[in-house]
Structure formats: structure tokens, C-alpha cells
Amino acid sequence: MGRIRLTRAARARWGVLTGGGMVASGAGLAMGLSLGLIVGGVLLVAYCLLLADTEGPEKYGGGR
């Protein structure tokens, strides 16, 4: 079996999703559901900004 190859953007997405899930669930368990939802929302915004940054200009018609 071969090694699974991931792009830099895929690794960043995976890391943000798993880390964000861990932080949101930890905050939800420790301090209540409302804080867990707030943390999850903030991390979702950060994820969307990360996607906008890692996709690169070639996806949107720009680039060199």
C-alpha cells in the first residue's frame, strides 16, 4: 500500500478541523454548551479565512 499524499492546503484544512473540533468540544465540556458554540463559530471563521489564504490565486483566475 502506498502513502497517502496530501497537498499543503489539505493538511491545513485537516489540522484546523481537528484542532478546532477538539478546542470547541473541550470548551463545551468544561464551561458549557454556549461557550463551546462560540468557540466553534470563531474557529469556523478562522477556517474560512484559511481557505481563502491557502487556495491561491490560480483558483480564482489570477496568478502568474
N, C-alpha and C. Protein backbone atom coordinates (compact mmCIF):
# COMPACT_ATOMS: atom_id res chain seq x y z
N MET A 1 0.84 -1.18 0.00
CA MET A 1 0.00 0.00 0.00
C MET A 1 0.88 1.24 0.00
N GLY A 2 0.41 2.22 -0.72
CA GLY A 2 1.18 3.44 -0.84
C GLY A 2 0.82 4.46 0.23
N ARG A 3 1.64 5.45 0.30
CA ARG A 3 1.43 6.53 1.25
C ARG A 3 0.41 7.52 0.68
N ILE A 4 -0.47 8.00 1.52
CA ILE A 4 -1.46 8.98 1.08
C ILE A 4 -0.76 10.34 0.97
N ARG A 5 -0.89 10.93 -0.19
CA ARG A 5 -0.26 12.24 -0.42
C ARG A 5 -1.30 13.33 -0.30
N LEU A 6 -0.99 14.32 0.50
CA LEU A 6 -1.89 15.44 0.71
C LEU A 6 -1.19 16.73 0.33
N THR A 7 -1.95 17.64 -0.21
CA THR A 7 -1.39 18.96 -0.52
C THR A 7 -1.26 19.76 0.77
N ARG A 8 -0.58 20.85 0.67
CA ARG A 8 -0.41 21.74 1.83
C ARG A 8 -1.76 22.26 2.30
N ALA A 9 -2.64 22.60 1.36
CA ALA A 9 -3.97 23.09 1.72
C ALA A 9 -4.80 22.01 2.41
N ALA A 10 -4.69 20.77 1.96
CA ALA A 10 -5.44 19.67 2.58
C ALA A 10 -4.96 19.40 3.99
N ARG A 11 -3.65 19.45 4.20
CA ARG A 11 -3.11 19.28 5.56
C ARG A 11 -3.56 20.42 6.47
N ALA A 12 -3.59 21.64 5.94
CA ALA A 12 -4.02 22.78 6.74
C ALA A 12 -5.49 22.65 7.10
N ARG A 13 -6.33 22.23 6.14
CA ARG A 13 -7.75 22.04 6.42
C ARG A 13 -7.96 20.97 7.49
N TRP A 14 -7.27 19.85 7.34
CA TRP A 14 -7.41 18.75 8.29
C TRP A 14 -6.98 19.18 9.68
N GLY A 15 -5.88 19.89 9.77
CA GLY A 15 -5.39 20.35 11.06
C GLY A 15 -6.32 21.34 11.72
N VAL A 16 -6.86 22.26 10.94
CA VAL A 16 -7.77 23.25 11.52
C VAL A 16 -9.07 22.59 11.96
N LEU A 17 -9.58 21.66 11.17
CA LEU A 17 -10.83 21.00 11.53
C LEU A 17 -10.67 20.14 12.79
N THR A 18 -9.62 19.35 12.86
CA THR A 18 -9.46 18.50 14.04
C THR A 18 -9.11 19.33 15.28
N GLY A 19 -8.23 20.28 15.12
CA GLY A 19 -7.89 21.13 16.27
C GLY A 19 -9.07 21.96 16.73
N GLY A 20 -9.81 22.49 15.79
CA GLY A 20 -11.00 23.27 16.14
C GLY A 20 -12.05 22.43 16.83
N GLY A 21 -12.23 21.22 16.35
CA GLY A 21 -13.19 20.32 17.00
C GLY A 21 -12.78 19.99 18.41
N MET A 22 -11.49 19.77 18.61
CA MET A 22 -11.00 19.47 19.96
C MET A 22 -11.17 20.66 20.90
N VAL A 23 -10.85 21.85 20.43
CA VAL A 23 -10.98 23.04 21.27
C VAL A 23 -12.44 23.32 21.59
N ALA A 24 -13.31 23.23 20.58
CA ALA A 24 -14.73 23.51 20.81
C ALA A 24 -15.36 22.48 21.74
N SER A 25 -15.03 21.22 21.56
CA SER A 25 -15.61 20.21 22.44
C SER A 25 -15.05 20.33 23.86
N GLY A 26 -13.78 20.65 23.99
CA GLY A 26 -13.20 20.85 25.31
C GLY A 26 -13.82 22.03 26.03
N ALA A 27 -14.02 23.13 25.31
CA ALA A 27 -14.66 24.31 25.92
C ALA A 27 -16.11 24.00 26.27
N GLY A 28 -16.77 23.23 25.41
CA GLY A 28 -18.16 22.87 25.69
C GLY A 28 -18.28 22.00 26.92
N LEU A 29 -17.37 21.05 27.08
CA LEU A 29 -17.41 20.17 28.25
C LEU A 29 -17.01 20.90 29.53
N ALA A 30 -16.02 21.77 29.43
CA ALA A 30 -15.51 22.42 30.63
C ALA A 30 -16.37 23.60 31.08
N MET A 31 -16.87 24.37 30.14
CA MET A 31 -17.53 25.61 30.52
C MET A 31 -18.96 25.76 30.03
N GLY A 32 -19.50 24.75 29.39
CA GLY A 32 -20.89 24.83 28.97
C GLY A 32 -21.05 24.86 27.46
N LEU A 33 -22.25 24.54 27.04
CA LEU A 33 -22.55 24.45 25.62
C LEU A 33 -22.43 25.78 24.91
N SER A 34 -22.84 26.87 25.56
CA SER A 34 -22.82 28.16 24.88
C SER A 34 -21.40 28.59 24.52
N LEU A 35 -20.46 28.37 25.43
CA LEU A 35 -19.07 28.73 25.12
C LEU A 35 -18.51 27.82 24.03
N GLY A 36 -18.88 26.54 24.06
CA GLY A 36 -18.45 25.64 23.01
C GLY A 36 -18.94 26.08 21.64
N LEU A 37 -20.17 26.56 21.55
CA LEU A 37 -20.71 27.04 20.27
C LEU A 37 -20.02 28.33 19.83
N ILE A 38 -19.70 29.20 20.77
CA ILE A 38 -19.00 30.44 20.44
C ILE A 38 -17.61 30.12 19.89
N VAL A 39 -16.89 29.23 20.58
CA VAL A 39 -15.55 28.85 20.12
C VAL A 39 -15.64 28.19 18.76
N GLY A 40 -16.63 27.33 18.56
CA GLY A 40 -16.81 26.68 17.26
C GLY A 40 -17.07 27.69 16.16
N GLY A 41 -17.86 28.71 16.44
CA GLY A 41 -18.13 29.75 15.44
C GLY A 41 -16.90 30.56 15.09
N VAL A 42 -16.11 30.90 16.10
CA VAL A 42 -14.88 31.65 15.85
C VAL A 42 -13.90 30.82 15.02
N LEU A 43 -13.81 29.53 15.34
CA LEU A 43 -12.91 28.67 14.59
C LEU A 43 -13.41 28.44 13.16
N LEU A 44 -14.71 28.46 12.94
CA LEU A 44 -15.24 28.35 11.59
C LEU A 44 -14.86 29.57 10.76
N VAL A 45 -14.91 30.73 11.35
CA VAL A 45 -14.48 31.95 10.66
C VAL A 45 -13.00 31.86 10.32
N ALA A 46 -12.19 31.39 11.27
CA ALA A 46 -10.75 31.24 11.02
C ALA A 46 -10.50 30.23 9.90
N TYR A 47 -11.29 29.17 9.86
CA TYR A 47 -11.16 28.16 8.81
C TYR A 47 -11.47 28.75 7.44
N CYS A 48 -12.52 29.55 7.36
CA CYS A 48 -12.87 30.18 6.09
C CYS A 48 -11.78 31.14 5.62
N LEU A 49 -11.18 31.87 6.56
CA LEU A 49 -10.08 32.77 6.20
C LEU A 49 -8.86 31.97 5.75
N LEU A 50 -8.61 30.82 6.39
CA LEU A 50 -7.50 29.96 6.00
C LEU A 50 -7.71 29.44 4.58
N LEU A 51 -8.93 29.04 4.26
CA LEU A 51 -9.21 28.55 2.91
C LEU A 51 -8.98 29.65 1.88
N ALA A 52 -9.40 30.85 2.20
CA ALA A 52 -9.19 31.95 1.27
C ALA A 52 -7.70 32.21 1.07
N ASP A 53 -6.89 31.94 2.10
CA ASP A 53 -5.46 32.20 2.02
C ASP A 53 -4.71 31.06 1.32
N THR A 54 -5.09 29.80 1.57
CA THR A 54 -4.31 28.68 1.04
C THR A 54 -4.73 28.25 -0.35
N GLU A 55 -5.91 28.64 -0.82
CA GLU A 55 -6.33 28.22 -2.16
C GLU A 55 -5.46 28.83 -3.24
N GLY A 56 -4.98 30.00 -3.04
CA GLY A 56 -4.09 30.62 -4.00
C GLY A 56 -4.85 31.34 -5.11
N PRO A 57 -4.16 32.19 -5.83
CA PRO A 57 -4.83 32.99 -6.86
C PRO A 57 -5.24 32.20 -8.09
N GLU A 58 -4.60 31.05 -8.36
CA GLU A 58 -4.92 30.33 -9.58
C GLU A 58 -6.34 29.80 -9.61
N LYS A 59 -6.93 29.55 -8.45
CA LYS A 59 -8.31 29.07 -8.42
C LYS A 59 -9.29 30.17 -8.82
N TYR A 60 -8.94 31.38 -8.57
CA TYR A 60 -9.84 32.50 -8.81
C TYR A 60 -9.49 33.25 -10.10
N GLY A 61 -8.70 32.67 -10.95
CA GLY A 61 -8.42 33.28 -12.24
C GLY A 61 -7.22 34.19 -12.25
N GLY A 62 -6.58 34.40 -11.14
CA GLY A 62 -5.40 35.26 -11.09
C GLY A 62 -4.14 34.44 -11.23
N GLY A 63 -3.10 34.94 -10.71
CA GLY A 63 -1.83 34.19 -10.72
C GLY A 63 -0.92 34.63 -11.84
N ARG A 64 0.22 33.95 -11.93
CA ARG A 64 1.22 34.33 -12.92
C ARG A 64 1.31 33.33 -14.01
